[in-house]
Amino acid sequence: MTTVVAHHDVKDQKHWLASPKREEVFGPLGVTNIRKFIDPQNPNRVAIVMDVADMDKVMAAMENDEMRAAMQYDGVIPESLVILVEA
């Protein structure tokens, strides 16, 4: 299991926090223990930490239409996305 941190900007922090889309798209990929974080100084900056069983599978899914639609629904600013993998 690999621990991953992903941070990005969003259009609406409250909407992003309440969205079920993370679990819907990441759950079937074997991603577990998804934790949400917010930047108290910038309401548009958020992050998740998650445990990933298969990084190749998740990275491939990041390019598919379902993931793009989920990110759009969540109000994610795609060009702000940074993914960090535990060393």
C-alpha atoms as a PDB file:
ATOM      1  CA  MET A   1       0.000   0.000   0.000  1.00  0.00           C
ATOM      2  CA  THR A   2       1.327   3.414  -0.967  1.00  0.00           C
ATOM      3  CA  THR A   3       0.329   6.600   0.825  1.00  0.00           C
ATOM      4  CA  VAL A   4      -0.441   9.442  -1.565  1.00  0.00           C
ATOM      5  CA  VAL A   5      -1.018  13.149  -0.975  1.00  0.00           C
ATOM      6  CA  ALA A   6      -2.819  15.125  -3.650  1.00  0.00           C
ATOM      7  CA  HIS A   7      -3.386  18.851  -3.353  1.00  0.00           C
ATOM      8  CA  HIS A   8      -5.203  21.217  -5.673  1.00  0.00           C
ATOM      9  CA  ASP A   9      -7.448  24.236  -5.865  1.00  0.00           C
ATOM     10  CA  VAL A  10     -11.241  24.061  -5.969  1.00  0.00           C
ATOM     11  CA  LYS A  11     -13.995  26.458  -6.913  1.00  0.00           C
ATOM     12  CA  ASP A  12     -16.106  25.805  -3.786  1.00  0.00           C
ATOM     13  CA  GLN A  13     -14.575  24.225  -0.684  1.00  0.00           C
ATOM     14  CA  LYS A  14     -17.927  23.342   0.945  1.00  0.00           C
ATOM     15  CA  HIS A  15     -19.137  21.577  -2.183  1.00  0.00           C
ATOM     16  CA  TRP A  16     -15.828  19.708  -2.483  1.00  0.00           C
ATOM     17  CA  LEU A  17     -15.955  18.603   1.164  1.00  0.00           C
ATOM     18  CA  ALA A  18     -19.506  17.260   0.829  1.00  0.00           C
ATOM     19  CA  SER A  19     -19.030  15.504  -2.502  1.00  0.00           C
ATOM     20  CA  PRO A  20     -19.371  11.703  -2.679  1.00  0.00           C
ATOM     21  CA  LYS A  21     -17.380  11.544  -5.939  1.00  0.00           C
ATOM     22  CA  ARG A  22     -13.974  10.733  -4.383  1.00  0.00           C
ATOM     23  CA  GLU A  23     -15.232   7.485  -2.902  1.00  0.00           C
ATOM     24  CA  GLU A  24     -17.256   6.679  -6.031  1.00  0.00           C
ATOM     25  CA  VAL A  25     -14.271   6.884  -8.392  1.00  0.00           C
ATOM     26  CA  PHE A  26     -11.405   5.871  -6.114  1.00  0.00           C
ATOM     27  CA  GLY A  27     -13.156   3.065  -4.203  1.00  0.00           C
ATOM     28  CA  PRO A  28     -13.346   0.667  -7.171  1.00  0.00           C
ATOM     29  CA  LEU A  29      -9.634   1.304  -7.788  1.00  0.00           C
ATOM     30  CA  GLY A  30      -8.726  -0.115  -4.366  1.00  0.00           C
ATOM     31  CA  VAL A  31      -8.070   3.289  -2.780  1.00  0.00           C
ATOM     32  CA  THR A  32      -8.824   3.348   0.943  1.00  0.00           C
ATOM     33  CA  ASN A  33      -8.552   5.593   3.971  1.00  0.00           C
ATOM     34  CA  ILE A  34      -9.243   8.842   2.079  1.00  0.00           C
ATOM     35  CA  ARG A  35      -8.759  11.857   4.362  1.00  0.00           C
ATOM     36  CA  LYS A  36      -9.684  15.427   3.396  1.00  0.00           C
ATOM     37  CA  PHE A  37      -7.751  18.569   4.340  1.00  0.00           C
ATOM     38  CA  ILE A  38      -8.356  22.273   3.864  1.00  0.00           C
ATOM     39  CA  ASP A  39      -6.057  25.277   3.941  1.00  0.00           C
ATOM     40  CA  PRO A  40      -7.399  27.593   6.669  1.00  0.00           C
ATOM     41  CA  GLN A  41      -5.641  30.536   5.005  1.00  0.00           C
ATOM     42  CA  ASN A  42      -6.978  29.851   1.495  1.00  0.00           C
ATOM     43  CA  PRO A  43     -10.520  28.440   1.187  1.00  0.00           C
ATOM     44  CA  ASN A  44      -9.855  27.321  -2.381  1.00  0.00           C
ATOM     45  CA  ARG A  45      -6.868  25.075  -1.549  1.00  0.00           C
ATOM     46  CA  VAL A  46      -7.556  21.498  -0.437  1.00  0.00           C
ATOM     47  CA  ALA A  47      -5.818  18.138  -0.221  1.00  0.00           C
ATOM     48  CA  ILE A  48      -6.447  14.450   0.257  1.00  0.00           C
ATOM     49  CA  VAL A  49      -4.300  11.718   1.730  1.00  0.00           C
ATOM     50  CA  MET A  50      -5.141   8.183   0.693  1.00  0.00           C
ATOM     51  CA  ASP A  51      -3.805   4.649   0.656  1.00  0.00           C
ATOM     52  CA  VAL A  52      -3.362   3.252  -2.850  1.00  0.00           C
ATOM     53  CA  ALA A  53      -2.938  -0.439  -3.599  1.00  0.00           C
ATOM     54  CA  ASP A  54      -1.999  -0.022  -7.289  1.00  0.00           C
ATOM     55  CA  MET A  55      -0.489   3.331  -8.338  1.00  0.00           C
ATOM     56  CA  ASP A  56      -0.385   2.380 -12.028  1.00  0.00           C
ATOM     57  CA  LYS A  57      -4.122   1.689 -11.977  1.00  0.00           C
ATOM     58  CA  VAL A  58      -4.884   4.993 -10.250  1.00  0.00           C
ATOM     59  CA  MET A  59      -2.627   7.037 -12.531  1.00  0.00           C
ATOM     60  CA  ALA A  60      -4.221   5.459 -15.621  1.00  0.00           C
ATOM     61  CA  ALA A  61      -7.675   6.259 -14.214  1.00  0.00           C
ATOM     62  CA  MET A  62      -6.671   9.904 -13.766  1.00  0.00           C
ATOM     63  CA  GLU A  63      -6.777  10.157 -17.583  1.00  0.00           C
ATOM     64  CA  ASN A  64     -10.236   8.649 -18.135  1.00  0.00           C
ATOM     65  CA  ASP A  65     -13.534  10.457 -18.718  1.00  0.00           C
ATOM     66  CA  GLU A  66     -15.112   9.259 -15.451  1.00  0.00           C
ATOM     67  CA  MET A  67     -12.300  10.799 -13.399  1.00  0.00           C
ATOM     68  CA  ARG A  68     -12.422  14.034 -15.407  1.00  0.00           C
ATOM     69  CA  ALA A  69     -16.186  14.234 -14.849  1.00  0.00           C
ATOM     70  CA  ALA A  70     -15.763  13.611 -11.112  1.00  0.00           C
ATOM     71  CA  MET A  71     -13.117  16.322 -10.866  1.00  0.00           C
ATOM     72  CA  GLN A  72     -15.351  18.729 -12.769  1.00  0.00           C
ATOM     73  CA  TYR A  73     -18.293  17.886 -10.491  1.00  0.00           C
ATOM     74  CA  ASP A  74     -16.107  18.496  -7.440  1.00  0.00           C
ATOM     75  CA  GLY A  75     -14.950  21.848  -8.816  1.00  0.00           C
ATOM     76  CA  VAL A  76     -11.297  20.801  -8.990  1.00  0.00           C
ATOM     77  CA  ILE A  77      -9.003  23.121 -10.949  1.00  0.00           C
ATOM     78  CA  PRO A  78      -7.138  20.380 -12.919  1.00  0.00           C
ATOM     79  CA  GLU A  79      -4.028  22.417 -13.697  1.00  0.00           C
ATOM     80  CA  SER A  80      -3.445  22.956  -9.966  1.00  0.00           C
ATOM     81  CA  LEU A  81      -3.312  19.219  -9.156  1.00  0.00           C
ATOM     82  CA  VAL A  82      -0.072  17.965  -7.573  1.00  0.00           C
ATOM     83  CA  ILE A  83       0.324  14.302  -6.583  1.00  0.00           C
ATOM     84  CA  LEU A  84       2.975  13.287  -4.069  1.00  0.00           C
ATOM     85  CA  VAL A  85       3.876   9.670  -3.314  1.00  0.00           C
ATOM     86  CA  GLU A  86       5.345   8.461  -0.053  1.00  0.00           C
ATOM     87  CA  ALA A  87       9.064   7.837  -0.433  1.00  0.00           C
END
